[in-house]
C-alpha atoms as a PDB file:
ATOM      1  CA  MET A   1      14.749 -35.131 -14.756  1.00  0.00           C
ATOM      2  CA  ASN A   2      16.009 -33.385 -17.836  1.00  0.00           C
ATOM      3  CA  SER A   3      12.637 -33.531 -19.745  1.00  0.00           C
ATOM      4  CA  LEU A   4      10.996 -31.446 -16.728  1.00  0.00           C
ATOM      5  CA  LEU A   5      13.686 -28.993 -16.950  1.00  0.00           C
ATOM      6  CA  SER A   6      13.311 -25.951 -19.028  1.00  0.00           C
ATOM      7  CA  ILE A   7      16.657 -23.774 -18.567  1.00  0.00           C
ATOM      8  CA  ARG A   8      16.816 -20.464 -20.338  1.00  0.00           C
ATOM      9  CA  ASP A   9      19.457 -20.046 -23.397  1.00  0.00           C
ATOM     10  CA  ASP A  10      21.746 -17.532 -21.148  1.00  0.00           C
ATOM     11  CA  VAL A  11      21.749 -19.802 -18.244  1.00  0.00           C
ATOM     12  CA  ALA A  12      22.616 -22.571 -20.219  1.00  0.00           C
ATOM     13  CA  ALA A  13      25.292 -21.121 -21.941  1.00  0.00           C
ATOM     14  CA  ALA A  14      26.917 -20.055 -18.926  1.00  0.00           C
ATOM     15  CA  LEU A  15      26.599 -23.612 -17.371  1.00  0.00           C
ATOM     16  CA  SER A  16      27.927 -25.133 -19.998  1.00  0.00           C
ATOM     17  CA  ALA A  17      30.864 -22.712 -20.263  1.00  0.00           C
ATOM     18  CA  GLY A  18      31.734 -22.787 -16.319  1.00  0.00           C
ATOM     19  CA  ALA A  19      30.599 -19.324 -16.040  1.00  0.00           C
ATOM     20  CA  PRO A  20      29.187 -18.061 -12.839  1.00  0.00           C
ATOM     21  CA  VAL A  21      25.204 -18.621 -12.292  1.00  0.00           C
ATOM     22  CA  VAL A  22      23.184 -17.701  -9.037  1.00  0.00           C
ATOM     23  CA  ALA A  23      19.827 -19.332  -8.340  1.00  0.00           C
ATOM     24  CA  LEU A  24      17.034 -17.171  -6.999  1.00  0.00           C
ATOM     25  CA  GLU A  25      13.753 -17.930  -5.497  1.00  0.00           C
ATOM     26  CA  SER A  26      10.412 -17.341  -6.637  1.00  0.00           C
ATOM     27  CA  THR A  27       8.294 -17.668  -3.441  1.00  0.00           C
ATOM     28  CA  VAL A  28       9.440 -13.977  -2.464  1.00  0.00           C
ATOM     29  CA  ILE A  29       7.894 -12.804  -5.585  1.00  0.00           C
ATOM     30  CA  ALA A  30       4.607 -14.765  -5.181  1.00  0.00           C
ATOM     31  CA  GLN A  31       4.137 -14.976  -1.672  1.00  0.00           C
ATOM     32  CA  GLY A  32       6.738 -13.154   0.343  1.00  0.00           C
ATOM     33  CA  LEU A  33       6.655  -9.412  -0.747  1.00  0.00           C
ATOM     34  CA  PRO A  34       3.689  -7.155  -1.473  1.00  0.00           C
ATOM     35  CA  ARG A  35       2.596  -5.717  -4.623  1.00  0.00           C
ATOM     36  CA  PRO A  36       4.361  -3.599  -6.317  1.00  0.00           C
ATOM     37  CA  GLN A  37       7.515  -4.251  -4.282  1.00  0.00           C
ATOM     38  CA  ASN A  38       7.810  -7.959  -5.240  1.00  0.00           C
ATOM     39  CA  LEU A  39       8.547  -7.334  -8.894  1.00  0.00           C
ATOM     40  CA  GLU A  40      10.576  -4.276  -8.410  1.00  0.00           C
ATOM     41  CA  THR A  41      12.909  -6.391  -5.756  1.00  0.00           C
ATOM     42  CA  ALA A  42      13.145  -9.300  -8.024  1.00  0.00           C
ATOM     43  CA  ARG A  43      14.438  -7.311 -10.772  1.00  0.00           C
ATOM     44  CA  LYS A  44      16.675  -5.534  -8.288  1.00  0.00           C
ATOM     45  CA  MET A  45      18.190  -8.833  -7.172  1.00  0.00           C
ATOM     46  CA  GLU A  46      18.861  -9.875 -10.630  1.00  0.00           C
ATOM     47  CA  ALA A  47      20.265  -6.776 -11.479  1.00  0.00           C
ATOM     48  CA  ALA A  48      22.489  -7.377  -8.253  1.00  0.00           C
ATOM     49  CA  VAL A  49      23.762 -10.379  -9.589  1.00  0.00           C
ATOM     50  CA  ARG A  50      24.428  -9.265 -13.090  1.00  0.00           C
ATOM     51  CA  LYS A  51      26.341  -6.161 -11.910  1.00  0.00           C
ATOM     52  CA  VAL A  52      29.100  -8.414 -10.489  1.00  0.00           C
ATOM     53  CA  GLY A  53      29.446 -10.663 -13.296  1.00  0.00           C
ATOM     54  CA  ALA A  54      27.288 -13.589 -12.757  1.00  0.00           C
ATOM     55  CA  ILE A  55      24.116 -14.745 -14.596  1.00  0.00           C
ATOM     56  CA  PRO A  56      20.815 -14.652 -12.542  1.00  0.00           C
ATOM     57  CA  ALA A  57      18.436 -17.761 -12.473  1.00  0.00           C
ATOM     58  CA  THR A  58      15.111 -17.116 -10.836  1.00  0.00           C
ATOM     59  CA  ILE A  59      13.425 -20.598 -10.521  1.00  0.00           C
ATOM     60  CA  GLY A  60       9.536 -21.469 -10.782  1.00  0.00           C
ATOM     61  CA  ILE A  61       7.268 -23.667 -12.269  1.00  0.00           C
ATOM     62  CA  LEU A  62       5.476 -22.981 -15.319  1.00  0.00           C
ATOM     63  CA  GLY A  63       3.335 -25.300 -18.014  1.00  0.00           C
ATOM     64  CA  GLY A  64       4.295 -28.478 -16.247  1.00  0.00           C
ATOM     65  CA  LYS A  65       8.071 -27.566 -16.063  1.00  0.00           C
ATOM     66  CA  ILE A  66      10.858 -26.577 -14.072  1.00  0.00           C
ATOM     67  CA  VAL A  67      11.906 -23.338 -15.511  1.00  0.00           C
ATOM     68  CA  ILE A  68      15.487 -22.433 -14.559  1.00  0.00           C
ATOM     69  CA  GLY A  69      15.877 -18.669 -15.428  1.00  0.00           C
ATOM     70  CA  LEU A  70      12.512 -17.039 -15.608  1.00  0.00           C
ATOM     71  CA  SER A  71      12.004 -14.328 -18.052  1.00  0.00           C
ATOM     72  CA  ASP A  72      11.097 -10.939 -17.239  1.00  0.00           C
ATOM     73  CA  GLU A  73       7.547 -11.328 -18.155  1.00  0.00           C
ATOM     74  CA  GLN A  74       7.126 -14.489 -16.577  1.00  0.00           C
ATOM     75  CA  LEU A  75       8.885 -12.574 -13.495  1.00  0.00           C
ATOM     76  CA  ALA A  76       5.685 -10.292 -14.070  1.00  0.00           C
ATOM     77  CA  PHE A  77       3.386 -13.130 -14.288  1.00  0.00           C
ATOM     78  CA  PHE A  78       4.574 -14.525 -10.736  1.00  0.00           C
ATOM     79  CA  ALA A  79       4.473 -11.079  -9.133  1.00  0.00           C
ATOM     80  CA  ASN A  80       0.821 -10.459 -10.488  1.00  0.00           C
ATOM     81  CA  CYS A  81      -0.798 -13.652 -10.616  1.00  0.00           C
ATOM     82  CA  ASP A  82      -3.129 -14.828  -7.435  1.00  0.00           C
ATOM     83  CA  GLY A  83      -3.223 -18.439  -6.350  1.00  0.00           C
ATOM     84  CA  VAL A  84       0.525 -19.612  -7.445  1.00  0.00           C
ATOM     85  CA  ALA A  85       1.132 -22.875  -5.606  1.00  0.00           C
ATOM     86  CA  LYS A  86       3.966 -22.478  -2.802  1.00  0.00           C
ATOM     87  CA  VAL A  87       6.358 -25.347  -4.058  1.00  0.00           C
ATOM     88  CA  SER A  88       8.732 -27.521  -1.519  1.00  0.00           C
ATOM     89  CA  PRO A  89      10.276 -30.543  -2.653  1.00  0.00           C
ATOM     90  CA  ALA A  90       7.625 -32.662  -1.864  1.00  0.00           C
ATOM     91  CA  ASP A  91       5.264 -30.452  -3.934  1.00  0.00           C
ATOM     92  CA  PHE A  92       6.887 -30.886  -6.907  1.00  0.00           C
ATOM     93  CA  SER A  93       5.521 -33.916  -8.480  1.00  0.00           C
ATOM     94  CA  ALA A  94       1.718 -32.773  -7.780  1.00  0.00           C
ATOM     95  CA  VAL A  95       2.262 -29.146  -9.060  1.00  0.00           C
ATOM     96  CA  ILE A  96       3.960 -30.099 -12.312  1.00  0.00           C
ATOM     97  CA  ALA A  97       1.571 -33.049 -12.914  1.00  0.00           C
ATOM     98  CA  ALA A  98      -1.398 -30.379 -12.338  1.00  0.00           C
ATOM     99  CA  GLY A  99       0.311 -28.142 -14.609  1.00  0.00           C
ATOM    100  CA  VAL A 100      -0.547 -25.133 -12.435  1.00  0.00           C
ATOM    101  CA  PRO A 101       2.270 -22.258 -11.893  1.00  0.00           C
ATOM    102  CA  GLY A 102       4.345 -22.836  -8.609  1.00  0.00           C
ATOM    103  CA  ALA A 103       6.771 -20.572  -7.054  1.00  0.00           C
ATOM    104  CA  THR A 104       9.603 -22.510  -5.336  1.00  0.00           C
ATOM    105  CA  THR A 105      10.831 -22.099  -1.717  1.00  0.00           C
ATOM    106  CA  VAL A 106      14.421 -21.955  -0.415  1.00  0.00           C
ATOM    107  CA  ALA A 107      14.127 -25.762  -0.505  1.00  0.00           C
ATOM    108  CA  GLY A 108      12.481 -26.102  -3.662  1.00  0.00           C
ATOM    109  CA  THR A 109      15.049 -23.825  -5.384  1.00  0.00           C
ATOM    110  CA  MET A 110      17.859 -25.867  -3.781  1.00  0.00           C
ATOM    111  CA  PHE A 111      16.123 -28.962  -5.202  1.00  0.00           C
ATOM    112  CA  ALA A 112      16.070 -27.365  -8.624  1.00  0.00           C
ATOM    113  CA  ALA A 113      19.293 -25.588  -8.707  1.00  0.00           C
ATOM    114  CA  SER A 114      21.148 -28.717  -7.948  1.00  0.00           C
ATOM    115  CA  ARG A 115      19.864 -30.606 -10.617  1.00  0.00           C
ATOM    116  CA  ALA A 116      20.637 -27.757 -13.365  1.00  0.00           C
ATOM    117  CA  GLY A 117      23.972 -27.559 -11.790  1.00  0.00           C
ATOM    118  CA  ILE A 118      23.736 -24.029 -10.017  1.00  0.00           C
ATOM    119  CA  PRO A 119      25.939 -24.341  -6.591  1.00  0.00           C
ATOM    120  CA  ILE A 120      24.850 -20.870  -5.583  1.00  0.00           C
ATOM    121  CA  LEU A 121      21.595 -19.599  -3.996  1.00  0.00           C
ATOM    122  CA  ALA A 122      20.440 -16.227  -2.792  1.00  0.00           C
ATOM    123  CA  THR A 123      17.471 -15.618  -0.380  1.00  0.00           C
ATOM    124  CA  GLY A 124      16.233 -13.405   2.343  1.00  0.00           C
ATOM    125  CA  GLY A 125      16.098 -15.902   5.209  1.00  0.00           C
ATOM    126  CA  ILE A 126      15.729 -19.671   5.589  1.00  0.00           C
ATOM    127  CA  GLY A 127      13.011 -21.824   7.186  1.00  0.00           C
ATOM    128  CA  GLY A 128      13.600 -23.427  10.110  1.00  0.00           C
ATOM    129  CA  VAL A 129      12.171 -24.576  13.584  1.00  0.00           C
ATOM    130  CA  HIS A 130       9.003 -22.885  14.150  1.00  0.00           C
ATOM    131  CA  ARG A 131       8.412 -21.596  17.793  1.00  0.00           C
ATOM    132  CA  GLY A 132       6.526 -24.355  19.591  1.00  0.00           C
ATOM    133  CA  GLY A 133       8.350 -26.689  17.082  1.00  0.00           C
ATOM    134  CA  GLU A 134       9.342 -29.059  19.722  1.00  0.00           C
ATOM    135  CA  ASP A 135       5.811 -30.037  20.154  1.00  0.00           C
ATOM    136  CA  SER A 136       4.216 -29.225  16.967  1.00  0.00           C
ATOM    137  CA  LEU A 137       7.353 -30.684  14.733  1.00  0.00           C
ATOM    138  CA  ASP A 138       6.696 -27.720  12.575  1.00  0.00           C
ATOM    139  CA  ILE A 139      10.251 -27.890  10.982  1.00  0.00           C
ATOM    140  CA  SER A 140      10.977 -26.365   7.441  1.00  0.00           C
ATOM    141  CA  ALA A 141      11.832 -28.708   4.817  1.00  0.00           C
ATOM    142  CA  ASP A 142      14.758 -25.957   3.980  1.00  0.00           C
ATOM    143  CA  LEU A 143      16.758 -27.701   6.880  1.00  0.00           C
ATOM    144  CA  THR A 144      16.537 -31.149   5.334  1.00  0.00           C
ATOM    145  CA  GLU A 145      17.468 -29.998   1.861  1.00  0.00           C
ATOM    146  CA  LEU A 146      20.274 -28.147   3.154  1.00  0.00           C
ATOM    147  CA  ALA A 147      21.390 -31.475   4.754  1.00  0.00           C
ATOM    148  CA  ARG A 148      21.237 -33.433   1.405  1.00  0.00           C
ATOM    149  CA  THR A 149      21.878 -30.930  -1.569  1.00  0.00           C
ATOM    150  CA  GLN A 150      25.252 -29.413  -2.599  1.00  0.00           C
ATOM    151  CA  VAL A 151      24.118 -25.901  -2.924  1.00  0.00           C
ATOM    152  CA  ALA A 152      25.716 -22.844  -0.841  1.00  0.00           C
ATOM    153  CA  VAL A 153      22.628 -20.623   0.260  1.00  0.00           C
ATOM    154  CA  VAL A 154      23.342 -17.043   0.996  1.00  0.00           C
ATOM    155  CA  CYS A 155      20.775 -15.669   3.574  1.00  0.00           C
ATOM    156  CA  SER A 156      20.304 -13.200   6.492  1.00  0.00           C
ATOM    157  CA  GLY A 157      19.887 -16.039   8.895  1.00  0.00           C
ATOM    158  CA  ALA A 158      16.415 -17.816   9.351  1.00  0.00           C
ATOM    159  CA  LYS A 159      13.341 -15.673   9.502  1.00  0.00           C
ATOM    160  CA  ALA A 160      12.909 -13.809  12.884  1.00  0.00           C
ATOM    161  CA  ILE A 161       9.531 -15.479  13.594  1.00  0.00           C
ATOM    162  CA  LEU A 162      11.242 -18.703  14.106  1.00  0.00           C
ATOM    163  CA  ASP A 163      12.993 -20.283  16.993  1.00  0.00           C
ATOM    164  CA  LEU A 164      16.490 -19.436  15.911  1.00  0.00           C
ATOM    165  CA  PRO A 165      18.607 -21.461  18.602  1.00  0.00           C
ATOM    166  CA  ARG A 166      16.847 -24.649  17.747  1.00  0.00           C
ATOM    167  CA  THR A 167      17.074 -23.781  14.181  1.00  0.00           C
ATOM    168  CA  LEU A 168      20.705 -23.677  14.579  1.00  0.00           C
ATOM    169  CA  GLU A 169      20.741 -26.774  16.873  1.00  0.00           C
ATOM    170  CA  VAL A 170      19.062 -29.028  13.882  1.00  0.00           C
ATOM    171  CA  LEU A 171      21.373 -27.511  11.396  1.00  0.00           C
ATOM    172  CA  GLU A 172      24.455 -28.638  13.530  1.00  0.00           C
ATOM    173  CA  THR A 173      22.682 -32.100  13.742  1.00  0.00           C
ATOM    174  CA  LEU A 174      22.268 -32.225  10.166  1.00  0.00           C
ATOM    175  CA  ALA A 175      25.869 -31.618   9.788  1.00  0.00           C
ATOM    176  CA  VAL A 176      25.217 -28.359   7.740  1.00  0.00           C
ATOM    177  CA  PRO A 177      27.900 -25.967   7.815  1.00  0.00           C
ATOM    178  CA  VAL A 178      26.777 -22.332   8.988  1.00  0.00           C
ATOM    179  CA  VAL A 179      29.250 -19.774   8.253  1.00  0.00           C
ATOM    180  CA  GLY A 180      28.870 -16.071   9.139  1.00  0.00           C
ATOM    181  CA  PHE A 181      30.131 -13.489   6.279  1.00  0.00           C
ATOM    182  CA  GLY A 182      31.744 -10.629   8.027  1.00  0.00           C
ATOM    183  CA  THR A 183      30.181 -11.745  11.525  1.00  0.00           C
ATOM    184  CA  SER A 184      30.861 -14.196  14.092  1.00  0.00           C
ATOM    185  CA  GLU A 185      26.979 -13.970  15.431  1.00  0.00           C
ATOM    186  CA  PHE A 186      24.251 -15.629  13.615  1.00  0.00           C
ATOM    187  CA  PRO A 187      21.986 -12.834  12.128  1.00  0.00           C
ATOM    188  CA  ALA A 188      18.436 -12.611  12.767  1.00  0.00           C
ATOM    189  CA  PHE A 189      16.737 -11.533   9.414  1.00  0.00           C
ATOM    190  CA  TYR A 190      15.752  -8.103  10.205  1.00  0.00           C
ATOM    191  CA  SER A 191      18.171  -7.649  12.840  1.00  0.00           C
ATOM    192  CA  GLN A 192      22.143  -7.841  12.952  1.00  0.00           C
ATOM    193  CA  GLU A 193      22.384  -9.501  16.466  1.00  0.00           C
ATOM    194  CA  SER A 194      20.664 -12.645  17.766  1.00  0.00           C
ATOM    195  CA  GLY A 195      23.218 -13.280  20.687  1.00  0.00           C
ATOM    196  CA  LEU A 196      23.935 -16.785  19.072  1.00  0.00           C
ATOM    197  CA  PRO A 197      27.533 -17.319  18.409  1.00  0.00           C
ATOM    198  CA  LEU A 198      29.079 -18.716  14.860  1.00  0.00           C
ATOM    199  CA  LEU A 199      32.060 -21.225  15.160  1.00  0.00           C
ATOM    200  CA  HIS A 200      32.656 -20.428  11.304  1.00  0.00           C
ATOM    201  CA  ARG A 201      33.236 -17.025   9.717  1.00  0.00           C
ATOM    202  CA  VAL A 202      34.655 -15.708   6.169  1.00  0.00           C
ATOM    203  CA  ASP A 203      35.234 -12.071   5.375  1.00  0.00           C
ATOM    204  CA  THR A 204      35.972 -12.342   1.418  1.00  0.00           C
ATOM    205  CA  PRO A 205      34.030 -13.828  -1.414  1.00  0.00           C
ATOM    206  CA  GLU A 206      37.211 -15.506  -2.025  1.00  0.00           C
ATOM    207  CA  GLU A 207      37.303 -17.110   1.367  1.00  0.00           C
ATOM    208  CA  ALA A 208      33.759 -18.439   0.702  1.00  0.00           C
ATOM    209  CA  ALA A 209      34.269 -19.573  -2.544  1.00  0.00           C
ATOM    210  CA  ASN A 210      37.318 -21.654  -1.344  1.00  0.00           C
ATOM    211  CA  LEU A 211      35.290 -23.245   1.734  1.00  0.00           C
ATOM    212  CA  VAL A 212      32.484 -24.156  -0.994  1.00  0.00           C
ATOM    213  CA  HIS A 213      35.114 -25.910  -3.248  1.00  0.00           C
ATOM    214  CA  VAL A 214      36.311 -27.901  -0.062  1.00  0.00           C
ATOM    215  CA  GLN A 215      32.915 -28.706   1.073  1.00  0.00           C
ATOM    216  CA  TRP A 216      32.016 -30.082  -2.228  1.00  0.00           C
ATOM    217  CA  GLU A 217      35.303 -32.190  -2.536  1.00  0.00           C
ATOM    218  CA  LEU A 218      34.566 -33.592   0.857  1.00  0.00           C
ATOM    219  CA  GLY A 219      31.199 -34.711  -0.476  1.00  0.00           C
ATOM    220  CA  HIS A 220      32.795 -36.441  -3.205  1.00  0.00           C
ATOM    221  CA  LEU A 221      35.030 -38.355  -0.800  1.00  0.00           C
ATOM    222  CA  GLY A 222      31.952 -39.535   1.018  1.00  0.00           C
ATOM    223  CA  HIS A 223      32.409 -37.339   4.221  1.00  0.00           C
ATOM    224  CA  GLY A 224      28.976 -38.002   5.957  1.00  0.00           C
ATOM    225  CA  THR A 225      26.137 -36.268   3.975  1.00  0.00           C
ATOM    226  CA  ARG A 226      26.274 -34.221   0.888  1.00  0.00           C
ATOM    227  CA  ALA A 227      25.262 -31.301   2.746  1.00  0.00           C
ATOM    228  CA  GLY A 228      25.238 -27.823   1.329  1.00  0.00           C
ATOM    229  CA  ILE A 229      26.177 -24.702   3.057  1.00  0.00           C
ATOM    230  CA  LEU A 230      24.680 -21.803   4.746  1.00  0.00           C
ATOM    231  CA  PHE A 231      26.546 -18.342   4.403  1.00  0.00           C
ATOM    232  CA  ALA A 232      24.864 -15.965   6.832  1.00  0.00           C
ATOM    233  CA  GLN A 233      25.263 -12.439   6.086  1.00  0.00           C
ATOM    234  CA  PRO A 234      23.625  -9.373   8.468  1.00  0.00           C
ATOM    235  CA  PRO A 235      21.218  -7.310   7.035  1.00  0.00           C
ATOM    236  CA  PRO A 236      22.648  -3.743   5.948  1.00  0.00           C
ATOM    237  CA  GLN A 237      23.050  -1.435   9.002  1.00  0.00           C
ATOM    238  CA  ALA A 238      20.904   1.643   7.779  1.00  0.00           C
ATOM    239  CA  CYS A 239      17.832  -0.681   7.668  1.00  0.00           C
ATOM    240  CA  SER A 240      18.365  -3.186  10.367  1.00  0.00           C
ATOM    241  CA  LEU A 241      15.945  -3.247  13.618  1.00  0.00           C
ATOM    242  CA  PRO A 242      17.036  -3.718  17.113  1.00  0.00           C
ATOM    243  CA  ARG A 243      16.397  -7.193  18.176  1.00  0.00           C
ATOM    244  CA  ALA A 244      14.117  -6.511  21.210  1.00  0.00           C
ATOM    245  CA  GLU A 245      11.701  -4.332  18.697  1.00  0.00           C
ATOM    246  CA  VAL A 246      11.550  -7.347  16.310  1.00  0.00           C
ATOM    247  CA  GLU A 247      10.816  -9.992  19.014  1.00  0.00           C
ATOM    248  CA  SER A 248       7.967  -7.531  20.391  1.00  0.00           C
ATOM    249  CA  LEU A 249       6.395  -7.546  16.581  1.00  0.00           C
ATOM    250  CA  VAL A 250       6.598 -11.188  16.115  1.00  0.00           C
ATOM    251  CA  ALA A 251       4.802 -11.717  19.553  1.00  0.00           C
ATOM    252  CA  GLN A 252       2.178  -9.463  18.511  1.00  0.00           C
ATOM    253  CA  SER A 253       1.836 -11.183  15.152  1.00  0.00           C
ATOM    254  CA  LEU A 254       1.956 -14.689  16.376  1.00  0.00           C
ATOM    255  CA  GLU A 255      -1.311 -13.509  18.623  1.00  0.00           C
ATOM    256  CA  SER A 256      -2.872 -12.221  15.358  1.00  0.00           C
ATOM    257  CA  ALA A 257      -2.033 -15.294  13.383  1.00  0.00           C
ATOM    258  CA  GLU A 258      -3.864 -17.283  16.088  1.00  0.00           C
ATOM    259  CA  ALA A 259      -6.860 -15.313  16.444  1.00  0.00           C
ATOM    260  CA  TYR A 260      -7.328 -15.452  12.594  1.00  0.00           C
ATOM    261  CA  GLY A 261      -6.609 -19.209  12.742  1.00  0.00           C
ATOM    262  CA  VAL A 262      -3.782 -18.987  10.120  1.00  0.00           C
ATOM    263  CA  GLN A 263      -2.010 -22.674   9.812  1.00  0.00           C
ATOM    264  CA  GLY A 264       0.208 -24.336   7.490  1.00  0.00           C
ATOM    265  CA  LYS A 265       2.051 -22.253   4.560  1.00  0.00           C
ATOM    266  CA  GLY A 266      -0.127 -19.430   5.117  1.00  0.00           C
ATOM    267  CA  VAL A 267       1.577 -18.699   8.563  1.00  0.00           C
ATOM    268  CA  THR A 268       4.936 -17.352   6.976  1.00  0.00           C
ATOM    269  CA  PRO A 269       3.485 -14.773   4.794  1.00  0.00           C
ATOM    270  CA  PHE A 270       0.757 -13.654   7.078  1.00  0.00           C
ATOM    271  CA  LEU A 271       3.520 -12.933   9.937  1.00  0.00           C
ATOM    272  CA  LEU A 272       5.771 -11.087   7.781  1.00  0.00           C
ATOM    273  CA  GLN A 273       2.662  -8.989   6.279  1.00  0.00           C
ATOM    274  CA  ASP A 274       1.442  -8.225   9.780  1.00  0.00           C
ATOM    275  CA  MET A 275       4.828  -7.011  11.088  1.00  0.00           C
ATOM    276  CA  ALA A 276       5.193  -4.828   8.161  1.00  0.00           C
ATOM    277  CA  LYS A 277       2.014  -2.944   8.913  1.00  0.00           C
ATOM    278  CA  ARG A 278       2.967  -2.899  12.699  1.00  0.00           C
ATOM    279  CA  SER A 279       6.605  -1.680  12.090  1.00  0.00           C
ATOM    280  CA  GLY A 280       5.164   0.835   9.477  1.00  0.00           C
ATOM    281  CA  GLY A 281       6.764  -0.676   6.811  1.00  0.00           C
ATOM    282  CA  ARG A 282      10.458  -0.725   8.379  1.00  0.00           C
ATOM    283  CA  THR A 283      10.203  -4.800   8.401  1.00  0.00           C
ATOM    284  CA  LEU A 284       9.581  -4.552   4.737  1.00  0.00           C
ATOM    285  CA  GLN A 285      12.275  -2.310   3.817  1.00  0.00           C
ATOM    286  CA  ALA A 286      14.811  -4.253   5.962  1.00  0.00           C
ATOM    287  CA  ASN A 287      13.593  -7.482   3.844  1.00  0.00           C
ATOM    288  CA  ILE A 288      13.957  -5.813   0.220  1.00  0.00           C
ATOM    289  CA  ALA A 289      17.448  -4.225   1.439  1.00  0.00           C
ATOM    290  CA  LEU A 290      18.879  -7.770   2.723  1.00  0.00           C
ATOM    291  CA  LEU A 291      17.608  -9.762  -0.425  1.00  0.00           C
ATOM    292  CA  ILE A 292      19.458  -7.186  -2.803  1.00  0.00           C
ATOM    293  CA  ALA A 293      22.641  -7.433  -0.659  1.00  0.00           C
ATOM    294  CA  ASN A 294      22.294 -11.110  -0.625  1.00  0.00           C
ATOM    295  CA  ALA A 295      22.043 -11.468  -4.201  1.00  0.00           C
ATOM    296  CA  ASP A 296      25.068  -9.077  -4.687  1.00  0.00           C
ATOM    297  CA  LEU A 297      27.178 -11.483  -2.119  1.00  0.00           C
ATOM    298  CA  ALA A 298      26.153 -14.676  -3.813  1.00  0.00           C
ATOM    299  CA  GLY A 299      26.933 -13.139  -7.289  1.00  0.00           C
ATOM    300  CA  ARG A 300      30.194 -12.296  -6.124  1.00  0.00           C
ATOM    301  CA  ILE A 301      30.921 -15.915  -4.593  1.00  0.00           C
ATOM    302  CA  ALA A 302      29.807 -17.308  -7.642  1.00  0.00           C
ATOM    303  CA  VAL A 303      32.449 -15.421  -9.640  1.00  0.00           C
ATOM    304  CA  ALA A 304      35.199 -16.146  -6.821  1.00  0.00           C
ATOM    305  CA  TYR A 305      34.036 -19.938  -6.998  1.00  0.00           C
ATOM    306  CA  CYS A 306      34.460 -20.273 -10.908  1.00  0.00           C
ATOM    307  CA  ALA A 307      37.864 -18.775 -10.405  1.00  0.00           C
ATOM    308  CA  VAL A 308      38.676 -21.338  -8.039  1.00  0.00           C
ATOM    309  CA  ARG A 309      37.573 -24.131 -10.334  1.00  0.00           C
ATOM    310  CA  SER A 310      39.396 -22.712 -13.105  1.00  0.00           C
ATOM    311  CA  ALA A 311      42.587 -22.767 -11.334  1.00  0.00           C
ATOM    312  CA  LEU A 312      42.497 -26.357 -10.493  1.00  0.00           C
ATOM    313  CA  PRO A 313      44.969 -28.577 -12.557  1.00  0.00           C
ATOM    314  CA  ARG A 314      43.211 -30.209 -15.533  1.00  0.00           C
END
């Protein structure tokens, strides 16, 4: 696997020294946000990680290799190139073999980050059970990857277009801890509230880091699966939208997607773009704000986690 990894020098040095590193996905650049906000946001996320003392490592596939830590030039390439493949774990071999550029989803980024030894990842919202998923079985690989990969994912819940109650049920079935950061309610991406209570909560990066350490230790003891952790942070109050308004936007956008015959991996980008238009750009601004806030939090957790590890007896 190492022959397929290309790790940026500063990322490799940080990992070797036990310094904090945060993995960032690249589908948000290639497919998730419009131009030029995609590149601007990617740079702001990396800056947020650096500001708190961690090293950002945005992950993507280029030239037949998994790149752990895209350069600024490579970020710009992903932001401006049409036709970049959307890569989940099932797509790695085909995309690498074809030598085409690929942007990693949350699941794909978890897969790559774990192989590189990066334990913390920041994103906007994870994938989950799609509405109507009880019939279509359309369930994101993000959930199964969380069940088998020891990476802590910092997000603002699952994307609002999904079936949030069923998503939480699947995560519970897969033994993935879902932990609110500063909240006891599962955030709904654009909205702070979902009406879905969480059993577990932390309020500081240090508490989160200690939980990560314990989860990994339990995995080493053979406790169930080697699951990751989902930290769910509400979107910033200043840009969050009322849940009822978001539900109305989702319903309208789902009707549009059906009318246009949008299917498969194109559904989520279509819905997010359609909702941005219908909301006058407010969902887009919320998305950008929560992405940067989650990058900041992931950086702080990564720093605290390194402190926990350094304090352990050798």
